[in-house]
Amino acid sequence: NACDVFIVIGVGGSYLGSKAIIDALRPYFSKST
């Protein structure tokens, strides 16, 4: 409710796991809010 852009800062295991789940569940052609 508080932001337009959420930036995840990390490398390797600090971001790959969350990106894996988010991309697996994200619709191809709609932006998340």
Full PDB file with SEQRES, HELIX, SHEET, SSBOND, CRYST1, ORIGX, SCALE, CONECT and MASTER records, all heavy atoms in Angstrom:
SEQRES   1 A   33  ASN ALA CYS ASP VAL PHE ILE VAL ILE GLY VAL GLY GLY          
SEQRES   2 A   33  SER TYR LEU GLY SER LYS ALA ILE ILE ASP ALA LEU ARG          
SEQRES   3 A   33  PRO TYR PHE SER LYS SER THR                                  
HELIX    1 AA1 GLY A   12  SER A   14  5                                   3    
HELIX    2 AA2 LEU A   16  LEU A   25  1                                  10    
CRYST1    1.000    1.000    1.000  90.00  90.00  90.00 P 1           1          
ORIGX1      1.000000  0.000000  0.000000        0.00000                         
ORIGX2      0.000000  1.000000  0.000000        0.00000                         
ORIGX3      0.000000  0.000000  1.000000        0.00000                         
SCALE1      1.000000  0.000000  0.000000        0.00000                         
SCALE2      0.000000  1.000000  0.000000        0.00000                         
SCALE3      0.000000  0.000000  1.000000        0.00000                         
ATOM      1  N   ASN A   1       0.806  -1.225   0.000  1.00  0.00           N  
ATOM      2  CA  ASN A   1       0.000   0.000   0.000  1.00  0.00           C  
ATOM      3  C   ASN A   1       0.837   1.272   0.000  1.00  0.00           C  
ATOM      4  O   ASN A   1       0.297   2.362  -0.209  1.00  0.00           O  
ATOM      5  CB  ASN A   1      -0.922   0.016   1.230  1.00  0.00           C  
ATOM      6  CG  ASN A   1      -1.966  -1.088   1.173  1.00  0.00           C  
ATOM      7  OD1 ASN A   1      -2.468  -1.414   0.103  1.00  0.00           O  
ATOM      8  ND2 ASN A   1      -2.289  -1.657   2.328  1.00  0.00           N  
ATOM      9  N   ALA A   2       2.138   1.115   0.248  1.00  0.00           N  
ATOM     10  CA  ALA A   2       2.970   2.297   0.484  1.00  0.00           C  
ATOM     11  C   ALA A   2       3.931   2.624  -0.644  1.00  0.00           C  
ATOM     12  O   ALA A   2       4.632   3.627  -0.567  1.00  0.00           O  
ATOM     13  CB  ALA A   2       3.766   2.114   1.780  1.00  0.00           C  
ATOM     14  N   CYS A   3       4.013   1.790  -1.668  1.00  0.00           N  
ATOM     15  CA  CYS A   3       5.014   2.077  -2.707  1.00  0.00           C  
ATOM     16  C   CYS A   3       4.541   1.656  -4.089  1.00  0.00           C  
ATOM     17  O   CYS A   3       3.635   0.838  -4.247  1.00  0.00           O  
ATOM     18  CB  CYS A   3       6.348   1.419  -2.370  1.00  0.00           C  
ATOM     19  SG  CYS A   3       6.374  -0.363  -2.537  1.00  0.00           S  
ATOM     20  N   ASP A   4       5.194   2.248  -5.097  1.00  0.00           N  
ATOM     21  CA  ASP A   4       4.960   1.889  -6.498  1.00  0.00           C  
ATOM     22  C   ASP A   4       5.988   0.870  -6.977  1.00  0.00           C  
ATOM     23  O   ASP A   4       5.682   0.015  -7.801  1.00  0.00           O  
ATOM     24  CB  ASP A   4       5.059   3.140  -7.390  1.00  0.00           C  
ATOM     25  CG  ASP A   4       4.122   4.236  -6.949  1.00  0.00           C  
ATOM     26  OD1 ASP A   4       2.920   3.938  -6.774  1.00  0.00           O  
ATOM     27  OD2 ASP A   4       4.577   5.384  -6.765  1.00  0.00           O  
ATOM     28  N   VAL A   5       7.216   1.000  -6.443  1.00  0.00           N  
ATOM     29  CA  VAL A   5       8.320   0.134  -6.868  1.00  0.00           C  
ATOM     30  C   VAL A   5       8.982  -0.463  -5.631  1.00  0.00           C  
ATOM     31  O   VAL A   5       9.400   0.261  -4.726  1.00  0.00           O  
ATOM     32  CB  VAL A   5       9.370   0.907  -7.693  1.00  0.00           C  
ATOM     33  CG1 VAL A   5      10.514  -0.009  -8.088  1.00  0.00           C  
ATOM     34  CG2 VAL A   5       8.743   1.523  -8.932  1.00  0.00           C  
ATOM     35  N   PHE A   6       9.066  -1.783  -5.610  1.00  0.00           N  
ATOM     36  CA  PHE A   6       9.731  -2.511  -4.531  1.00  0.00           C  
ATOM     37  C   PHE A   6      11.013  -3.099  -5.105  1.00  0.00           C  
ATOM     38  O   PHE A   6      10.966  -3.920  -6.030  1.00  0.00           O  
ATOM     39  CB  PHE A   6       8.810  -3.614  -4.015  1.00  0.00           C  
ATOM     40  CG  PHE A   6       9.396  -4.464  -2.912  1.00  0.00           C  
ATOM     41  CD1 PHE A   6       9.506  -3.976  -1.626  1.00  0.00           C  
ATOM     42  CD2 PHE A   6       9.824  -5.757  -3.172  1.00  0.00           C  
ATOM     43  CE1 PHE A   6      10.032  -4.766  -0.604  1.00  0.00           C  
ATOM     44  CE2 PHE A   6      10.350  -6.553  -2.167  1.00  0.00           C  
ATOM     45  CZ  PHE A   6      10.460  -6.053  -0.873  1.00  0.00           C  
ATOM     46  N   ILE A   7      12.155  -2.660  -4.586  1.00  0.00           N  
ATOM     47  CA  ILE A   7      13.449  -3.077  -5.136  1.00  0.00           C  
ATOM     48  C   ILE A   7      14.115  -4.064  -4.181  1.00  0.00           C  
ATOM     49  O   ILE A   7      14.376  -3.744  -3.011  1.00  0.00           O  
ATOM     50  CB  ILE A   7      14.376  -1.869  -5.385  1.00  0.00           C  
ATOM     51  CG1 ILE A   7      13.696  -0.866  -6.326  1.00  0.00           C  
ATOM     52  CG2 ILE A   7      15.699  -2.336  -5.987  1.00  0.00           C  
ATOM     53  CD1 ILE A   7      14.504   0.411  -6.554  1.00  0.00           C  
ATOM     54  N   VAL A   8      14.376  -5.255  -4.682  1.00  0.00           N  
ATOM     55  CA  VAL A   8      15.063  -6.301  -3.924  1.00  0.00           C  
ATOM     56  C   VAL A   8      16.537  -6.252  -4.301  1.00  0.00           C  
ATOM     57  O   VAL A   8      16.902  -6.453  -5.460  1.00  0.00           O  
ATOM     58  CB  VAL A   8      14.482  -7.690  -4.247  1.00  0.00           C  
ATOM     59  CG1 VAL A   8      15.167  -8.761  -3.407  1.00  0.00           C  
ATOM     60  CG2 VAL A   8      12.973  -7.709  -4.021  1.00  0.00           C  
ATOM     61  N   ILE A   9      17.392  -5.986  -3.318  1.00  0.00           N  
ATOM     62  CA  ILE A   9      18.828  -5.842  -3.558  1.00  0.00           C  
ATOM     63  C   ILE A   9      19.546  -7.057  -2.986  1.00  0.00           C  
ATOM     64  O   ILE A   9      19.560  -7.268  -1.771  1.00  0.00           O  
ATOM     65  CB  ILE A   9      19.373  -4.550  -2.910  1.00  0.00           C  
ATOM     66  CG1 ILE A   9      18.586  -3.324  -3.408  1.00  0.00           C  
ATOM     67  CG2 ILE A   9      20.864  -4.393  -3.198  1.00  0.00           C  
ATOM     68  CD1 ILE A   9      18.863  -2.066  -2.616  1.00  0.00           C  
ATOM     69  N   GLY A  10      20.144  -7.848  -3.856  1.00  0.00           N  
ATOM     70  CA  GLY A  10      20.854  -9.037  -3.402  1.00  0.00           C  
ATOM     71  C   GLY A  10      21.449  -9.768  -4.586  1.00  0.00           C  
ATOM     72  O   GLY A  10      21.109  -9.516  -5.740  1.00  0.00           O  
ATOM     73  N   VAL A  11      22.340 -10.697  -4.289  1.00  0.00           N  
ATOM     74  CA  VAL A  11      22.977 -11.486  -5.342  1.00  0.00           C  
ATOM     75  C   VAL A  11      22.987 -12.943  -4.899  1.00  0.00           C  
ATOM     76  O   VAL A  11      22.957 -13.246  -3.703  1.00  0.00           O  
ATOM     77  CB  VAL A  11      24.416 -10.975  -5.623  1.00  0.00           C  
ATOM     78  CG1 VAL A  11      25.354 -11.244  -4.463  1.00  0.00           C  
ATOM     79  CG2 VAL A  11      24.976 -11.548  -6.927  1.00  0.00           C  
ATOM     80  N   GLY A  12      23.008 -13.864  -5.862  1.00  0.00           N  
ATOM     81  CA  GLY A  12      23.050 -15.291  -5.547  1.00  0.00           C  
ATOM     82  C   GLY A  12      21.807 -15.724  -4.790  1.00  0.00           C  
ATOM     83  O   GLY A  12      20.678 -15.381  -5.148  1.00  0.00           O  
ATOM     84  N   GLY A  13      22.020 -16.458  -3.704  1.00  0.00           N  
ATOM     85  CA  GLY A  13      20.904 -16.971  -2.929  1.00  0.00           C  
ATOM     86  C   GLY A  13      20.053 -15.899  -2.285  1.00  0.00           C  
ATOM     87  O   GLY A  13      18.919 -16.163  -1.876  1.00  0.00           O  
ATOM     88  N   SER A  14      20.565 -14.675  -2.223  1.00  0.00           N  
ATOM     89  CA  SER A  14      19.797 -13.591  -1.614  1.00  0.00           C  
ATOM     90  C   SER A  14      18.653 -13.106  -2.494  1.00  0.00           C  
ATOM     91  O   SER A  14      17.776 -12.385  -2.008  1.00  0.00           O  
ATOM     92  CB  SER A  14      20.720 -12.406  -1.277  1.00  0.00           C  
ATOM     93  OG  SER A  14      21.657 -12.781  -0.297  1.00  0.00           O  
ATOM     94  N   TYR A  15      18.692 -13.435  -3.779  1.00  0.00           N  
ATOM     95  CA  TYR A  15      17.585 -12.992  -4.640  1.00  0.00           C  
ATOM     96  C   TYR A  15      17.039 -14.082  -5.553  1.00  0.00           C  
ATOM     97  O   TYR A  15      15.875 -14.040  -5.966  1.00  0.00           O  
ATOM     98  CB  TYR A  15      18.015 -11.785  -5.480  1.00  0.00           C  
ATOM     99  CG  TYR A  15      18.599 -12.118  -6.827  1.00  0.00           C  
ATOM    100  CD1 TYR A  15      17.845 -11.968  -7.992  1.00  0.00           C  
ATOM    101  CD2 TYR A  15      19.906 -12.594  -6.960  1.00  0.00           C  
ATOM    102  CE1 TYR A  15      18.368 -12.279  -9.237  1.00  0.00           C  
ATOM    103  CE2 TYR A  15      20.436 -12.900  -8.192  1.00  0.00           C  
ATOM    104  CZ  TYR A  15      19.664 -12.739  -9.333  1.00  0.00           C  
ATOM    105  OH  TYR A  15      20.176 -13.046 -10.561  1.00  0.00           O  
ATOM    106  N   LEU A  16      17.847 -15.111  -5.871  1.00  0.00           N  
ATOM    107  CA  LEU A  16      17.415 -16.107  -6.860  1.00  0.00           C  
ATOM    108  C   LEU A  16      16.184 -16.885  -6.404  1.00  0.00           C  
ATOM    109  O   LEU A  16      15.298 -17.187  -7.218  1.00  0.00           O  
ATOM    110  CB  LEU A  16      18.561 -17.077  -7.162  1.00  0.00           C  
ATOM    111  CG  LEU A  16      19.606 -16.600  -8.167  1.00  0.00           C  
ATOM    112  CD1 LEU A  16      20.800 -17.548  -8.191  1.00  0.00           C  
ATOM    113  CD2 LEU A  16      19.017 -16.468  -9.563  1.00  0.00           C  
ATOM    114  N   GLY A  17      16.108 -17.213  -5.125  1.00  0.00           N  
ATOM    115  CA  GLY A  17      14.982 -17.988  -4.626  1.00  0.00           C  
ATOM    116  C   GLY A  17      13.667 -17.227  -4.737  1.00  0.00           C  
ATOM    117  O   GLY A  17      12.663 -17.756  -5.232  1.00  0.00           O  
ATOM    118  N   SER A  18      13.665 -15.976  -4.279  1.00  0.00           N  
ATOM    119  CA  SER A  18      12.424 -15.189  -4.362  1.00  0.00           C  
ATOM    120  C   SER A  18      12.052 -14.914  -5.807  1.00  0.00           C  
ATOM    121  O   SER A  18      10.877 -14.980  -6.187  1.00  0.00           O  
ATOM    122  CB  SER A  18      12.569 -13.879  -3.578  1.00  0.00           C  
ATOM    123  OG  SER A  18      13.625 -13.093  -4.064  1.00  0.00           O  
ATOM    124  N   LYS A  19      13.034 -14.638  -6.649  1.00  0.00           N  
ATOM    125  CA  LYS A  19      12.745 -14.397  -8.075  1.00  0.00           C  
ATOM    126  C   LYS A  19      12.175 -15.652  -8.730  1.00  0.00           C  
ATOM    127  O   LYS A  19      11.286 -15.587  -9.579  1.00  0.00           O  
ATOM    128  CB  LYS A  19      14.004 -13.943  -8.805  1.00  0.00           C  
ATOM    129  CG  LYS A  19      13.744 -13.420 -10.220  1.00  0.00           C  
ATOM    130  CD  LYS A  19      15.005 -12.809 -10.812  1.00  0.00           C  
ATOM    131  CE  LYS A  19      14.707 -12.053 -12.100  1.00  0.00           C  
ATOM    132  NZ  LYS A  19      14.101 -12.867 -13.163  1.00  0.00           N  
ATOM    133  N   ALA A  20      12.682 -16.822  -8.319  1.00  0.00           N  
ATOM    134  CA  ALA A  20      12.193 -18.083  -8.871  1.00  0.00           C  
ATOM    135  C   ALA A  20      10.701 -18.251  -8.602  1.00  0.00           C  
ATOM    136  O   ALA A  20       9.931 -18.633  -9.506  1.00  0.00           O  
ATOM    137  CB  ALA A  20      12.969 -19.259  -8.275  1.00  0.00           C  
ATOM    138  N   ILE A  21      10.269 -17.978  -7.374  1.00  0.00           N  
ATOM    139  CA  ILE A  21       8.863 -18.155  -7.012  1.00  0.00           C  
ATOM    140  C   ILE A  21       8.003 -17.061  -7.632  1.00  0.00           C  
ATOM    141  O   ILE A  21       6.914 -17.333  -8.167  1.00  0.00           O  
ATOM    142  CB  ILE A  21       8.700 -18.167  -5.482  1.00  0.00           C  
ATOM    143  CG1 ILE A  21       9.543 -19.280  -4.863  1.00  0.00           C  
ATOM    144  CG2 ILE A  21       7.239 -18.321  -5.101  1.00  0.00           C  
ATOM    145  CD1 ILE A  21       9.276 -20.668  -5.425  1.00  0.00           C  
ATOM    146  N   ILE A  22       8.466 -15.828  -7.577  1.00  0.00           N  
ATOM    147  CA  ILE A  22       7.695 -14.715  -8.147  1.00  0.00           C  
ATOM    148  C   ILE A  22       7.482 -14.914  -9.644  1.00  0.00           C  
ATOM    149  O   ILE A  22       6.367 -14.781 -10.156  1.00  0.00           O  
ATOM    150  CB  ILE A  22       8.395 -13.376  -7.852  1.00  0.00           C  
ATOM    151  CG1 ILE A  22       8.286 -13.044  -6.364  1.00  0.00           C  
ATOM    152  CG2 ILE A  22       7.800 -12.248  -8.693  1.00  0.00           C  
ATOM    153  CD1 ILE A  22       9.171 -11.906  -5.909  1.00  0.00           C  
ATOM    154  N   ASP A  23       8.543 -15.262 -10.373  1.00  0.00           N  
ATOM    155  CA  ASP A  23       8.414 -15.442 -11.825  1.00  0.00           C  
ATOM    156  C   ASP A  23       7.555 -16.655 -12.176  1.00  0.00           C  
ATOM    157  O   ASP A  23       6.850 -16.657 -13.185  1.00  0.00           O  
ATOM    158  CB  ASP A  23       9.790 -15.582 -12.468  1.00  0.00           C  
ATOM    159  CG  ASP A  23      10.546 -14.261 -12.524  1.00  0.00           C  
ATOM    160  OD1 ASP A  23       9.944 -13.219 -12.172  1.00  0.00           O  
ATOM    161  OD2 ASP A  23      11.734 -14.264 -12.902  1.00  0.00           O  
ATOM    162  N   ALA A  24       7.601 -17.697 -11.344  1.00  0.00           N  
ATOM    163  CA  ALA A  24       6.788 -18.883 -11.609  1.00  0.00           C  
ATOM    164  C   ALA A  24       5.300 -18.588 -11.454  1.00  0.00           C  
ATOM    165  O   ALA A  24       4.465 -19.230 -12.106  1.00  0.00           O  
ATOM    166  CB  ALA A  24       7.193 -20.018 -10.671  1.00  0.00           C  
ATOM    167  N   LEU A  25       4.957 -17.621 -10.614  1.00  0.00           N  
ATOM    168  CA  LEU A  25       3.554 -17.328 -10.325  1.00  0.00           C  
ATOM    169  C   LEU A  25       3.066 -16.025 -10.951  1.00  0.00           C  
ATOM    170  O   LEU A  25       1.874 -15.712 -10.884  1.00  0.00           O  
ATOM    171  CB  LEU A  25       3.351 -17.284  -8.807  1.00  0.00           C  
ATOM    172  CG  LEU A  25       3.657 -18.600  -8.070  1.00  0.00           C  
ATOM    173  CD1 LEU A  25       3.614 -18.396  -6.569  1.00  0.00           C  
ATOM    174  CD2 LEU A  25       2.692 -19.697  -8.489  1.00  0.00           C  
ATOM    175  N   ARG A  26       3.954 -15.278 -11.574  1.00  0.00           N  
ATOM    176  CA  ARG A  26       3.596 -13.986 -12.156  1.00  0.00           C  
ATOM    177  C   ARG A  26       2.933 -14.184 -13.528  1.00  0.00           C  
ATOM    178  O   ARG A  26       3.475 -14.897 -14.374  1.00  0.00           O  
ATOM    179  CB  ARG A  26       4.868 -13.149 -12.325  1.00  0.00           C  
ATOM    180  CG  ARG A  26       4.632 -11.707 -12.754  1.00  0.00           C  
ATOM    181  CD  ARG A  26       5.877 -11.103 -13.393  1.00  0.00           C  
ATOM    182  NE  ARG A  26       7.076 -11.182 -12.604  1.00  0.00           N  
ATOM    183  CZ  ARG A  26       7.538 -10.196 -11.845  1.00  0.00           C  
ATOM    184  NH1 ARG A  26       6.870  -9.074 -11.755  1.00  0.00           N  
ATOM    185  NH2 ARG A  26       8.668 -10.354 -11.189  1.00  0.00           N  
ATOM    186  N   PRO A  27       1.779 -13.560 -13.791  1.00  0.00           N  
ATOM    187  CA  PRO A  27       1.225 -13.612 -15.149  1.00  0.00           C  
ATOM    188  C   PRO A  27       2.209 -13.002 -16.144  1.00  0.00           C  
ATOM    189  O   PRO A  27       2.932 -12.058 -15.816  1.00  0.00           O  
ATOM    190  CB  PRO A  27      -0.049 -12.763 -15.043  1.00  0.00           C  
ATOM    191  CG  PRO A  27      -0.395 -12.762 -13.592  1.00  0.00           C  
ATOM    192  CD  PRO A  27       0.926 -12.817 -12.860  1.00  0.00           C  
ATOM    193  N   TYR A  28       2.225 -13.536 -17.355  1.00  0.00           N  
ATOM    194  CA  TYR A  28       3.205 -13.084 -18.341  1.00  0.00           C  
ATOM    195  C   TYR A  28       3.048 -11.605 -18.698  1.00  0.00           C  
ATOM    196  O   TYR A  28       4.036 -10.900 -18.859  1.00  0.00           O  
ATOM    197  CB  TYR A  28       3.083 -13.918 -19.618  1.00  0.00           C  
ATOM    198  CG  TYR A  28       3.787 -15.260 -19.549  1.00  0.00           C  
ATOM    199  CD1 TYR A  28       3.052 -16.442 -19.614  1.00  0.00           C  
ATOM    200  CD2 TYR A  28       5.163 -15.341 -19.431  1.00  0.00           C  
ATOM    201  CE1 TYR A  28       3.688 -17.672 -19.560  1.00  0.00           C  
ATOM    202  CE2 TYR A  28       5.805 -16.563 -19.371  1.00  0.00           C  
ATOM    203  CZ  TYR A  28       5.068 -17.732 -19.444  1.00  0.00           C  
ATOM    204  OH  TYR A  28       5.697 -18.953 -19.380  1.00  0.00           O  
ATOM    205  N   PHE A  29       1.834 -11.124 -18.831  1.00  0.00           N  
ATOM    206  CA  PHE A  29       1.632  -9.809 -19.427  1.00  0.00           C  
ATOM    207  C   PHE A  29       0.870  -8.836 -18.541  1.00  0.00           C  
ATOM    208  O   PHE A  29       0.082  -8.040 -19.006  1.00  0.00           O  
ATOM    209  CB  PHE A  29       0.914  -9.963 -20.781  1.00  0.00           C  
ATOM    210  CG  PHE A  29       1.657 -10.850 -21.737  1.00  0.00           C  
ATOM    211  CD1 PHE A  29       1.166 -12.103 -22.074  1.00  0.00           C  
ATOM    212  CD2 PHE A  29       2.873 -10.454 -22.273  1.00  0.00           C  
ATOM    213  CE1 PHE A  29       1.859 -12.934 -22.935  1.00  0.00           C  
ATOM    214  CE2 PHE A  29       3.575 -11.282 -23.128  1.00  0.00           C  
ATOM    215  CZ  PHE A  29       3.074 -12.518 -23.467  1.00  0.00           C  
ATOM    216  N   SER A  30       1.115  -8.906 -17.236  1.00  0.00           N  
ATOM    217  CA  SER A  30       0.529  -7.915 -16.348  1.00  0.00           C  
ATOM    218  C   SER A  30       1.559  -7.537 -15.292  1.00  0.00           C  
ATOM    219  O   SER A  30       2.298  -8.394 -14.808  1.00  0.00           O  
ATOM    220  CB  SER A  30      -0.736  -8.452 -15.680  1.00  0.00           C  
ATOM    221  OG  SER A  30      -0.429  -9.504 -14.806  1.00  0.00           O  
ATOM    222  N   LYS A  31       1.599  -6.265 -14.961  1.00  0.00           N  
ATOM    223  CA  LYS A  31       2.551  -5.797 -13.961  1.00  0.00           C  
ATOM    224  C   LYS A  31       1.957  -5.947 -12.569  1.00  0.00           C  
ATOM    225  O   LYS A  31       0.786  -5.692 -12.347  1.00  0.00           O  
ATOM    226  CB  LYS A  31       2.914  -4.334 -14.223  1.00  0.00           C  
ATOM    227  CG  LYS A  31       3.818  -4.122 -15.419  1.00  0.00           C  
ATOM    228  CD  LYS A  31       4.246  -2.677 -15.519  1.00  0.00           C  
ATOM    229  CE  LYS A  31       5.219  -2.467 -16.682  1.00  0.00           C  
ATOM    230  NZ  LYS A  31       5.644  -1.051 -16.799  1.00  0.00           N  
ATOM    231  N   SER A  32       2.815  -6.347 -11.643  1.00  0.00           N  
ATOM    232  CA  SER A  32       2.355  -6.451 -10.261  1.00  0.00           C  
ATOM    233  C   SER A  32       2.298  -5.061  -9.634  1.00  0.00           C  
ATOM    234  O   SER A  32       2.923  -4.112 -10.116  1.00  0.00           O  
ATOM    235  CB  SER A  32       3.308  -7.338  -9.464  1.00  0.00           C  
ATOM    236  OG  SER A  32       4.610  -6.770  -9.446  1.00  0.00           O  
ATOM    237  N   THR A  33       1.533  -4.924  -8.590  1.00  0.00           N  
ATOM    238  CA  THR A  33       1.484  -3.681  -7.827  1.00  0.00           C  
ATOM    239  C   THR A  33       1.825  -4.004  -6.377  1.00  0.00           C  
ATOM    240  O   THR A  33       1.090  -4.734  -5.720  1.00  0.00           O  
ATOM    241  CB  THR A  33       0.081  -3.045  -7.897  1.00  0.00           C  
ATOM    242  OG1 THR A  33      -0.288  -2.872  -9.268  1.00  0.00           O  
ATOM    243  CG2 THR A  33       0.067  -1.696  -7.214  1.00  0.00           C  
TER     244      THR A  33                                                      
MASTER        0    0    0    2    0    0    0    6  243    1    0    3          
END                                                                             
